[in-house]
Amino acid sequence: MSKVCDELLQYDELRNFMAHGWMEIHTDLKDNHRLGFRLNQRDGQGKFNRIDIETTVPYLKDAADKITLYVQEAVTLFSRIYLEQKLE
């Protein structure tokens, strides 16, 4: 289980930006679209700091595929635990 959690954890920052940040899309004619995410985070002194990240559509598609596999592994593990422990 810790392997699945560790694998999912690598996408935590991206998830945070996608859930709580602003998104802007930069398109071009060659399909080299870029996605920018902006997030204002409060530091320990109450000040806000703007953080920007940029990614691509292929990266997000790959991340979605990997996350799907990791979640499937977790569901398989939980199902096995429930069956072995006779839980309902």
PDB file of N, CA and C in Angstrom:
ATOM      1  N   MET A   1       0.821  -1.196   0.000  1.00  0.00           N
ATOM      2  CA  MET A   1       0.000   0.000   0.000  1.00  0.00           C
ATOM      3  C   MET A   1       0.863   1.257   0.000  1.00  0.00           C
ATOM      4  N   SER A   2       1.967   1.229   0.721  1.00  0.00           N
ATOM      5  CA  SER A   2       2.808   2.425   0.768  1.00  0.00           C
ATOM      6  C   SER A   2       3.371   2.752  -0.615  1.00  0.00           C
ATOM      7  N   LYS A   3       3.609   1.720  -1.442  1.00  0.00           N
ATOM      8  CA  LYS A   3       4.097   1.954  -2.809  1.00  0.00           C
ATOM      9  C   LYS A   3       3.069   2.761  -3.606  1.00  0.00           C
ATOM     10  N   VAL A   4       1.804   2.366  -3.514  1.00  0.00           N
ATOM     11  CA  VAL A   4       0.749   3.076  -4.240  1.00  0.00           C
ATOM     12  C   VAL A   4       0.630   4.510  -3.728  1.00  0.00           C
ATOM     13  N   CYS A   5       0.669   4.695  -2.423  1.00  0.00           N
ATOM     14  CA  CYS A   5       0.587   6.044  -1.844  1.00  0.00           C
ATOM     15  C   CYS A   5       1.763   6.906  -2.290  1.00  0.00           C
ATOM     16  N   ASP A   6       2.958   6.329  -2.286  1.00  0.00           N
ATOM     17  CA  ASP A   6       4.139   7.077  -2.734  1.00  0.00           C
ATOM     18  C   ASP A   6       4.013   7.472  -4.197  1.00  0.00           C
ATOM     19  N   GLU A   7       3.498   6.561  -5.015  1.00  0.00           N
ATOM     20  CA  GLU A   7       3.358   6.858  -6.437  1.00  0.00           C
ATOM     21  C   GLU A   7       2.320   7.956  -6.660  1.00  0.00           C
ATOM     22  N   LEU A   8       1.226   7.914  -5.916  1.00  0.00           N
ATOM     23  CA  LEU A   8       0.208   8.955  -6.055  1.00  0.00           C
ATOM     24  C   LEU A   8       0.696  10.295  -5.513  1.00  0.00           C
ATOM     25  N   LEU A   9       1.533  10.257  -4.490  1.00  0.00           N
ATOM     26  CA  LEU A   9       2.017  11.481  -3.860  1.00  0.00           C
ATOM     27  C   LEU A   9       2.796  12.376  -4.822  1.00  0.00           C
ATOM     28  N   GLN A  10       3.425  11.788  -5.826  1.00  0.00           N
ATOM     29  CA  GLN A  10       4.191  12.605  -6.769  1.00  0.00           C
ATOM     30  C   GLN A  10       3.296  13.562  -7.568  1.00  0.00           C
ATOM     31  N   TYR A  11       1.989  13.318  -7.567  1.00  0.00           N
ATOM     32  CA  TYR A  11       1.058  14.185  -8.288  1.00  0.00           C
ATOM     33  C   TYR A  11       0.311  15.135  -7.359  1.00  0.00           C
ATOM     34  N   ASP A  12       0.673  15.171  -6.097  1.00  0.00           N
ATOM     35  CA  ASP A  12      -0.036  15.981  -5.117  1.00  0.00           C
ATOM     36  C   ASP A  12       0.040  17.472  -5.436  1.00  0.00           C
ATOM     37  N   GLU A  13       1.207  17.963  -5.805  1.00  0.00           N
ATOM     38  CA  GLU A  13       1.345  19.391  -6.105  1.00  0.00           C
ATOM     39  C   GLU A  13       0.506  19.770  -7.322  1.00  0.00           C
ATOM     40  N   LEU A  14       0.555  18.950  -8.351  1.00  0.00           N
ATOM     41  CA  LEU A  14      -0.247  19.211  -9.545  1.00  0.00           C
ATOM     42  C   LEU A  14      -1.733  19.206  -9.198  1.00  0.00           C
ATOM     43  N   ARG A  15      -2.159  18.244  -8.376  1.00  0.00           N
ATOM     44  CA  ARG A  15      -3.554  18.185  -7.945  1.00  0.00           C
ATOM     45  C   ARG A  15      -3.948  19.459  -7.204  1.00  0.00           C
ATOM     46  N   ASN A  16      -3.062  19.938  -6.344  1.00  0.00           N
ATOM     47  CA  ASN A  16      -3.336  21.154  -5.593  1.00  0.00           C
ATOM     48  C   ASN A  16      -3.519  22.349  -6.528  1.00  0.00           C
ATOM     49  N   PHE A  17      -2.648  22.476  -7.520  1.00  0.00           N
ATOM     50  CA  PHE A  17      -2.766  23.567  -8.489  1.00  0.00           C
ATOM     51  C   PHE A  17      -4.066  23.443  -9.284  1.00  0.00           C
ATOM     52  N   MET A  18      -4.396  22.228  -9.699  1.00  0.00           N
ATOM     53  CA  MET A  18      -5.597  22.039 -10.507  1.00  0.00           C
ATOM     54  C   MET A  18      -6.874  22.269  -9.689  1.00  0.00           C
ATOM     55  N   ALA A  19      -6.846  21.943  -8.417  1.00  0.00           N
ATOM     56  CA  ALA A  19      -8.029  22.090  -7.567  1.00  0.00           C
ATOM     57  C   ALA A  19      -8.218  23.520  -7.065  1.00  0.00           C
ATOM     58  N   HIS A  20      -7.127  24.232  -6.811  1.00  0.00           N
ATOM     59  CA  HIS A  20      -7.232  25.513  -6.119  1.00  0.00           C
ATOM     60  C   HIS A  20      -6.654  26.693  -6.886  1.00  0.00           C
ATOM     61  N   GLY A  21      -6.043  26.448  -8.023  1.00  0.00           N
ATOM     62  CA  GLY A  21      -5.374  27.524  -8.738  1.00  0.00           C
ATOM     63  C   GLY A  21      -6.152  28.022  -9.941  1.00  0.00           C
ATOM     64  N   TRP A  22      -5.541  28.984 -10.612  1.00  0.00           N
ATOM     65  CA  TRP A  22      -6.059  29.511 -11.870  1.00  0.00           C
ATOM     66  C   TRP A  22      -5.362  28.791 -13.002  1.00  0.00           C
ATOM     67  N   MET A  23      -6.079  28.602 -14.090  1.00  0.00           N
ATOM     68  CA  MET A  23      -5.476  27.921 -15.228  1.00  0.00           C
ATOM     69  C   MET A  23      -5.558  28.816 -16.452  1.00  0.00           C
ATOM     70  N   GLU A  24      -4.492  28.814 -17.220  1.00  0.00           N
ATOM     71  CA  GLU A  24      -4.518  29.504 -18.510  1.00  0.00           C
ATOM     72  C   GLU A  24      -3.955  28.560 -19.562  1.00  0.00           C
ATOM     73  N   ILE A  25      -4.512  28.645 -20.756  1.00  0.00           N
ATOM     74  CA  ILE A  25      -4.116  27.754 -21.839  1.00  0.00           C
ATOM     75  C   ILE A  25      -3.453  28.580 -22.933  1.00  0.00           C
ATOM     76  N   HIS A  26      -2.287  28.119 -23.355  1.00  0.00           N
ATOM     77  CA  HIS A  26      -1.570  28.741 -24.464  1.00  0.00           C
ATOM     78  C   HIS A  26      -1.595  27.751 -25.624  1.00  0.00           C
ATOM     79  N   THR A  27      -2.251  28.133 -26.698  1.00  0.00           N
ATOM     80  CA  THR A  27      -2.363  27.229 -27.845  1.00  0.00           C
ATOM     81  C   THR A  27      -1.470  27.707 -28.979  1.00  0.00           C
ATOM     82  N   ASP A  28      -1.116  26.763 -29.852  1.00  0.00           N
ATOM     83  CA  ASP A  28      -0.419  27.137 -31.069  1.00  0.00           C
ATOM     84  C   ASP A  28      -0.880  26.223 -32.204  1.00  0.00           C
ATOM     85  N   LEU A  29      -0.503  26.555 -33.414  1.00  0.00           N
ATOM     86  CA  LEU A  29      -0.977  25.827 -34.589  1.00  0.00           C
ATOM     87  C   LEU A  29      -0.371  24.440 -34.728  1.00  0.00           C
ATOM     88  N   LYS A  30       0.716  24.149 -34.010  1.00  0.00           N
ATOM     89  CA  LYS A  30       1.384  22.850 -34.107  1.00  0.00           C
ATOM     90  C   LYS A  30       0.966  21.897 -32.990  1.00  0.00           C
ATOM     91  N   ASP A  31      -0.108  22.214 -32.297  1.00  0.00           N
ATOM     92  CA  ASP A  31      -0.602  21.402 -31.176  1.00  0.00           C
ATOM     93  C   ASP A  31       0.397  21.286 -30.028  1.00  0.00           C
ATOM     94  N   ASN A  32       1.263  22.254 -29.883  1.00  0.00           N
ATOM     95  CA  ASN A  32       2.180  22.285 -28.737  1.00  0.00           C
ATOM     96  C   ASN A  32       1.571  23.175 -27.653  1.00  0.00           C
ATOM     97  N   HIS A  33       0.382  22.794 -27.234  1.00  0.00           N
ATOM     98  CA  HIS A  33      -0.334  23.596 -26.250  1.00  0.00           C
ATOM     99  C   HIS A  33       0.337  23.475 -24.881  1.00  0.00           C
ATOM    100  N   ARG A  34       0.330  24.584 -24.156  1.00  0.00           N
ATOM    101  CA  ARG A  34       0.880  24.608 -22.806  1.00  0.00           C
ATOM    102  C   ARG A  34      -0.226  25.031 -21.848  1.00  0.00           C
ATOM    103  N   LEU A  35      -0.213  24.426 -20.689  1.00  0.00           N
ATOM    104  CA  LEU A  35      -1.185  24.767 -19.657  1.00  0.00           C
ATOM    105  C   LEU A  35      -0.440  25.386 -18.484  1.00  0.00           C
ATOM    106  N   GLY A  36      -0.843  26.556 -18.110  1.00  0.00           N
ATOM    107  CA  GLY A  36      -0.223  27.233 -16.982  1.00  0.00           C
ATOM    108  C   GLY A  36      -1.162  27.247 -15.793  1.00  0.00           C
ATOM    109  N   PHE A  37      -0.617  26.990 -14.625  1.00  0.00           N
ATOM    110  CA  PHE A  37      -1.398  27.025 -13.388  1.00  0.00           C
ATOM    111  C   PHE A  37      -0.756  28.032 -12.450  1.00  0.00           C
ATOM    112  N   ARG A  38      -1.597  28.838 -11.820  1.00  0.00           N
ATOM    113  CA  ARG A  38      -1.131  29.864 -10.891  1.00  0.00           C
ATOM    114  C   ARG A  38      -1.867  29.671  -9.575  1.00  0.00           C
ATOM    115  N   LEU A  39      -1.114  29.753  -8.501  1.00  0.00           N
ATOM    116  CA  LEU A  39      -1.689  29.556  -7.175  1.00  0.00           C
ATOM    117  C   LEU A  39      -1.063  30.552  -6.212  1.00  0.00           C
ATOM    118  N   ASN A  40      -1.882  31.169  -5.393  1.00  0.00           N
ATOM    119  CA  ASN A  40      -1.387  32.045  -4.334  1.00  0.00           C
ATOM    120  C   ASN A  40      -1.403  31.262  -3.031  1.00  0.00           C
ATOM    121  N   GLN A  41      -0.226  31.079  -2.459  1.00  0.00           N
ATOM    122  CA  GLN A  41      -0.119  30.352  -1.194  1.00  0.00           C
ATOM    123  C   GLN A  41       0.295  31.310  -0.098  1.00  0.00           C
ATOM    124  N   ARG A  42      -0.298  31.107   1.065  1.00  0.00           N
ATOM    125  CA  ARG A  42       0.022  31.946   2.215  1.00  0.00           C
ATOM    126  C   ARG A  42       1.220  31.348   2.948  1.00  0.00           C
ATOM    127  N   ASP A  43       2.185  32.188   3.261  1.00  0.00           N
ATOM    128  CA  ASP A  43       3.344  31.702   4.012  1.00  0.00           C
ATOM    129  C   ASP A  43       3.047  31.766   5.508  1.00  0.00           C
ATOM    130  N   GLY A  44       4.006  31.420   6.319  1.00  0.00           N
ATOM    131  CA  GLY A  44       3.823  31.373   7.766  1.00  0.00           C
ATOM    132  C   GLY A  44       3.544  32.718   8.405  1.00  0.00           C
ATOM    133  N   GLN A  45       3.820  33.805   7.683  1.00  0.00           N
ATOM    134  CA  GLN A  45       3.600  35.144   8.230  1.00  0.00           C
ATOM    135  C   GLN A  45       2.336  35.795   7.670  1.00  0.00           C
ATOM    136  N   GLY A  46       1.543  35.019   6.942  1.00  0.00           N
ATOM    137  CA  GLY A  46       0.281  35.541   6.418  1.00  0.00           C
ATOM    138  C   GLY A  46       0.385  36.232   5.071  1.00  0.00           C
ATOM    139  N   LYS A  47       1.576  36.299   4.509  1.00  0.00           N
ATOM    140  CA  LYS A  47       1.745  36.916   3.193  1.00  0.00           C
ATOM    141  C   LYS A  47       1.461  35.888   2.106  1.00  0.00           C
ATOM    142  N   PHE A  48       0.936  36.376   0.992  1.00  0.00           N
ATOM    143  CA  PHE A  48       0.671  35.502  -0.136  1.00  0.00           C
ATOM    144  C   PHE A  48       1.829  35.533  -1.118  1.00  0.00           C
ATOM    145  N   ASN A  49       2.194  34.368  -1.595  1.00  0.00           N
ATOM    146  CA  ASN A  49       3.235  34.231  -2.615  1.00  0.00           C
ATOM    147  C   ASN A  49       2.622  33.558  -3.829  1.00  0.00           C
ATOM    148  N   ARG A  50       2.859  34.134  -4.996  1.00  0.00           N
ATOM    149  CA  ARG A  50       2.334  33.549  -6.225  1.00  0.00           C
ATOM    150  C   ARG A  50       3.302  32.488  -6.731  1.00  0.00           C
ATOM    151  N   ILE A  51       2.742  31.325  -7.059  1.00  0.00           N
ATOM    152  CA  ILE A  51       3.536  30.221  -7.595  1.00  0.00           C
ATOM    153  C   ILE A  51       2.938  29.845  -8.943  1.00  0.00           C
ATOM    154  N   ASP A  52       3.787  29.712  -9.942  1.00  0.00           N
ATOM    155  CA  ASP A  52       3.359  29.344 -11.287  1.00  0.00           C
ATOM    156  C   ASP A  52       4.021  28.042 -11.696  1.00  0.00           C
ATOM    157  N   ILE A  53       3.253  27.172 -12.348  1.00  0.00           N
ATOM    158  CA  ILE A  53       3.826  25.984 -12.972  1.00  0.00           C
ATOM    159  C   ILE A  53       3.252  25.884 -14.379  1.00  0.00           C
ATOM    160  N   GLU A  54       3.972  25.200 -15.231  1.00  0.00           N
ATOM    161  CA  GLU A  54       3.520  25.006 -16.603  1.00  0.00           C
ATOM    162  C   GLU A  54       3.658  23.533 -16.958  1.00  0.00           C
ATOM    163  N   THR A  55       2.708  23.025 -17.716  1.00  0.00           N
ATOM    164  CA  THR A  55       2.749  21.632 -18.126  1.00  0.00           C
ATOM    165  C   THR A  55       2.175  21.518 -19.529  1.00  0.00           C
ATOM    166  N   THR A  56       2.125  20.300 -20.024  1.00  0.00           N
ATOM    167  CA  THR A  56       1.626  20.059 -21.380  1.00  0.00           C
ATOM    168  C   THR A  56       0.484  19.044 -21.339  1.00  0.00           C
ATOM    169  N   VAL A  57      -0.252  19.007 -22.408  1.00  0.00           N
ATOM    170  CA  VAL A  57      -1.338  18.030 -22.518  1.00  0.00           C
ATOM    171  C   VAL A  57      -0.795  16.594 -22.464  1.00  0.00           C
ATOM    172  N   PRO A  58       0.282  16.262 -23.205  1.00  0.00           N
ATOM    173  CA  PRO A  58       0.803  14.895 -23.106  1.00  0.00           C
ATOM    174  C   PRO A  58       1.209  14.510 -21.679  1.00  0.00           C
ATOM    175  N   TYR A  59       1.793  15.442 -20.926  1.00  0.00           N
ATOM    176  CA  TYR A  59       2.164  15.133 -19.539  1.00  0.00           C
ATOM    177  C   TYR A  59       0.917  14.815 -18.710  1.00  0.00           C
ATOM    178  N   LEU A  60      -0.139  15.618 -18.865  1.00  0.00           N
ATOM    179  CA  LEU A  60      -1.355  15.382 -18.099  1.00  0.00           C
ATOM    180  C   LEU A  60      -2.020  14.068 -18.492  1.00  0.00           C
ATOM    181  N   LYS A  61      -1.990  13.732 -19.778  1.00  0.00           N
ATOM    182  CA  LYS A  61      -2.553  12.448 -20.214  1.00  0.00           C
ATOM    183  C   LYS A  61      -1.764  11.288 -19.609  1.00  0.00           C
ATOM    184  N   ASP A  62      -0.448  11.403 -19.615  1.00  0.00           N
ATOM    185  CA  ASP A  62       0.393  10.357 -19.017  1.00  0.00           C
ATOM    186  C   ASP A  62       0.135  10.251 -17.515  1.00  0.00           C
ATOM    187  N   ALA A  63       0.025  11.394 -16.850  1.00  0.00           N
ATOM    188  CA  ALA A  63      -0.251  11.397 -15.409  1.00  0.00           C
ATOM    189  C   ALA A  63      -1.601  10.741 -15.128  1.00  0.00           C
ATOM    190  N   ALA A  64      -2.611  11.035 -15.935  1.00  0.00           N
ATOM    191  CA  ALA A  64      -3.934  10.441 -15.736  1.00  0.00           C
ATOM    192  C   ALA A  64      -3.875   8.927 -15.908  1.00  0.00           C
ATOM    193  N   ASP A  65      -3.126   8.458 -16.904  1.00  0.00           N
ATOM    194  CA  ASP A  65      -2.977   7.007 -17.103  1.00  0.00           C
ATOM    195  C   ASP A  65      -2.312   6.344 -15.904  1.00  0.00           C
ATOM    196  N   LYS A  66      -1.245   6.970 -15.405  1.00  0.00           N
ATOM    197  CA  LYS A  66      -0.531   6.402 -14.260  1.00  0.00           C
ATOM    198  C   LYS A  66      -1.380   6.433 -12.994  1.00  0.00           C
ATOM    199  N   ILE A  67      -2.080   7.534 -12.773  1.00  0.00           N
ATOM    200  CA  ILE A  67      -2.943   7.634 -11.594  1.00  0.00           C
ATOM    201  C   ILE A  67      -4.031   6.567 -11.650  1.00  0.00           C
ATOM    202  N   THR A  68      -4.581   6.337 -12.834  1.00  0.00           N
ATOM    203  CA  THR A  68      -5.601   5.295 -12.992  1.00  0.00           C
ATOM    204  C   THR A  68      -5.041   3.928 -12.613  1.00  0.00           C
ATOM    205  N   LEU A  69      -3.828   3.625 -13.055  1.00  0.00           N
ATOM    206  CA  LEU A  69      -3.205   2.343 -12.693  1.00  0.00           C
ATOM    207  C   LEU A  69      -2.976   2.231 -11.194  1.00  0.00           C
ATOM    208  N   TYR A  70      -2.488   3.308 -10.572  1.00  0.00           N
ATOM    209  CA  TYR A  70      -2.224   3.281  -9.134  1.00  0.00           C
ATOM    210  C   TYR A  70      -3.514   3.078  -8.347  1.00  0.00           C
ATOM    211  N   VAL A  71      -4.579   3.743  -8.773  1.00  0.00           N
ATOM    212  CA  VAL A  71      -5.856   3.601  -8.080  1.00  0.00           C
ATOM    213  C   VAL A  71      -6.396   2.181  -8.265  1.00  0.00           C
ATOM    214  N   GLN A  72      -6.239   1.629  -9.458  1.00  0.00           N
ATOM    215  CA  GLN A  72      -6.663   0.242  -9.682  1.00  0.00           C
ATOM    216  C   GLN A  72      -5.902  -0.714  -8.765  1.00  0.00           C
ATOM    217  N   GLU A  73      -4.599  -0.480  -8.576  1.00  0.00           N
ATOM    218  CA  GLU A  73      -3.814  -1.304  -7.659  1.00  0.00           C
ATOM    219  C   GLU A  73      -4.348  -1.186  -6.235  1.00  0.00           C
ATOM    220  N   ALA A  74      -4.702   0.024  -5.818  1.00  0.00           N
ATOM    221  CA  ALA A  74      -5.225   0.230  -4.471  1.00  0.00           C
ATOM    222  C   ALA A  74      -6.569  -0.476  -4.297  1.00  0.00           C
ATOM    223  N   VAL A  75      -7.437  -0.362  -5.285  1.00  0.00           N
ATOM    224  CA  VAL A  75      -8.747  -1.013  -5.203  1.00  0.00           C
ATOM    225  C   VAL A  75      -8.582  -2.531  -5.143  1.00  0.00           C
ATOM    226  N   THR A  76      -7.663  -3.067  -5.948  1.00  0.00           N
ATOM    227  CA  THR A  76      -7.398  -4.511  -5.918  1.00  0.00           C
ATOM    228  C   THR A  76      -6.910  -4.939  -4.544  1.00  0.00           C
ATOM    229  N   LEU A  77      -6.014  -4.161  -3.959  1.00  0.00           N
ATOM    230  CA  LEU A  77      -5.504  -4.472  -2.626  1.00  0.00           C
ATOM    231  C   LEU A  77      -6.616  -4.412  -1.583  1.00  0.00           C
ATOM    232  N   PHE A  78      -7.416  -3.353  -1.608  1.00  0.00           N
ATOM    233  CA  PHE A  78      -8.514  -3.234  -0.644  1.00  0.00           C
ATOM    234  C   PHE A  78      -9.507  -4.382  -0.807  1.00  0.00           C
ATOM    235  N   SER A  79      -9.795  -4.767  -2.040  1.00  0.00           N
ATOM    236  CA  SER A  79     -10.717  -5.881  -2.285  1.00  0.00           C
ATOM    237  C   SER A  79     -10.166  -7.167  -1.690  1.00  0.00           C
ATOM    238  N   ARG A  80      -8.872  -7.399  -1.881  1.00  0.00           N
ATOM    239  CA  ARG A  80      -8.242  -8.594  -1.325  1.00  0.00           C
ATOM    240  C   ARG A  80      -8.307  -8.593   0.202  1.00  0.00           C
ATOM    241  N   ILE A  81      -8.037  -7.447   0.807  1.00  0.00           N
ATOM    242  CA  ILE A  81      -8.093  -7.331   2.266  1.00  0.00           C
ATOM    243  C   ILE A  81      -9.512  -7.621   2.763  1.00  0.00           C
ATOM    244  N   TYR A  82     -10.500  -7.034   2.104  1.00  0.00           N
ATOM    245  CA  TYR A  82     -11.891  -7.260   2.518  1.00  0.00           C
ATOM    246  C   TYR A  82     -12.270  -8.719   2.400  1.00  0.00           C
ATOM    247  N   LEU A  83     -11.856  -9.382   1.302  1.00  0.00           N
ATOM    248  CA  LEU A  83     -12.173 -10.804   1.125  1.00  0.00           C
ATOM    249  C   LEU A  83     -11.464 -11.659   2.162  1.00  0.00           C
ATOM    250  N   GLU A  84     -10.172 -11.416   2.370  1.00  0.00           N
ATOM    251  CA  GLU A  84      -9.411 -12.226   3.322  1.00  0.00           C
ATOM    252  C   GLU A  84      -9.875 -12.045   4.756  1.00  0.00           C
ATOM    253  N   GLN A  85     -10.275 -10.832   5.091  1.00  0.00           N
ATOM    254  CA  GLN A  85     -10.716 -10.543   6.460  1.00  0.00           C
ATOM    255  C   GLN A  85     -12.217 -10.744   6.643  1.00  0.00           C
ATOM    256  N   LYS A  86     -12.901 -11.114   5.553  1.00  0.00           N
ATOM    257  CA  LYS A  86     -14.348 -11.329   5.567  1.00  0.00           C
ATOM    258  C   LYS A  86     -15.087 -10.085   6.093  1.00  0.00           C
ATOM    259  N   LEU A  87     -14.697  -8.931   5.569  1.00  0.00           N
ATOM    260  CA  LEU A  87     -15.318  -7.660   5.949  1.00  0.00           C
ATOM    261  C   LEU A  87     -16.431  -7.313   4.960  1.00  0.00           C
ATOM    262  N   GLU A  88     -17.397  -6.569   5.418  1.00  0.00           N
ATOM    263  CA  GLU A  88     -18.466  -6.121   4.519  1.00  0.00           C
ATOM    264  C   GLU A  88     -18.668  -4.654   4.657  1.00  0.00           C
TER     265      GLU A  88
END
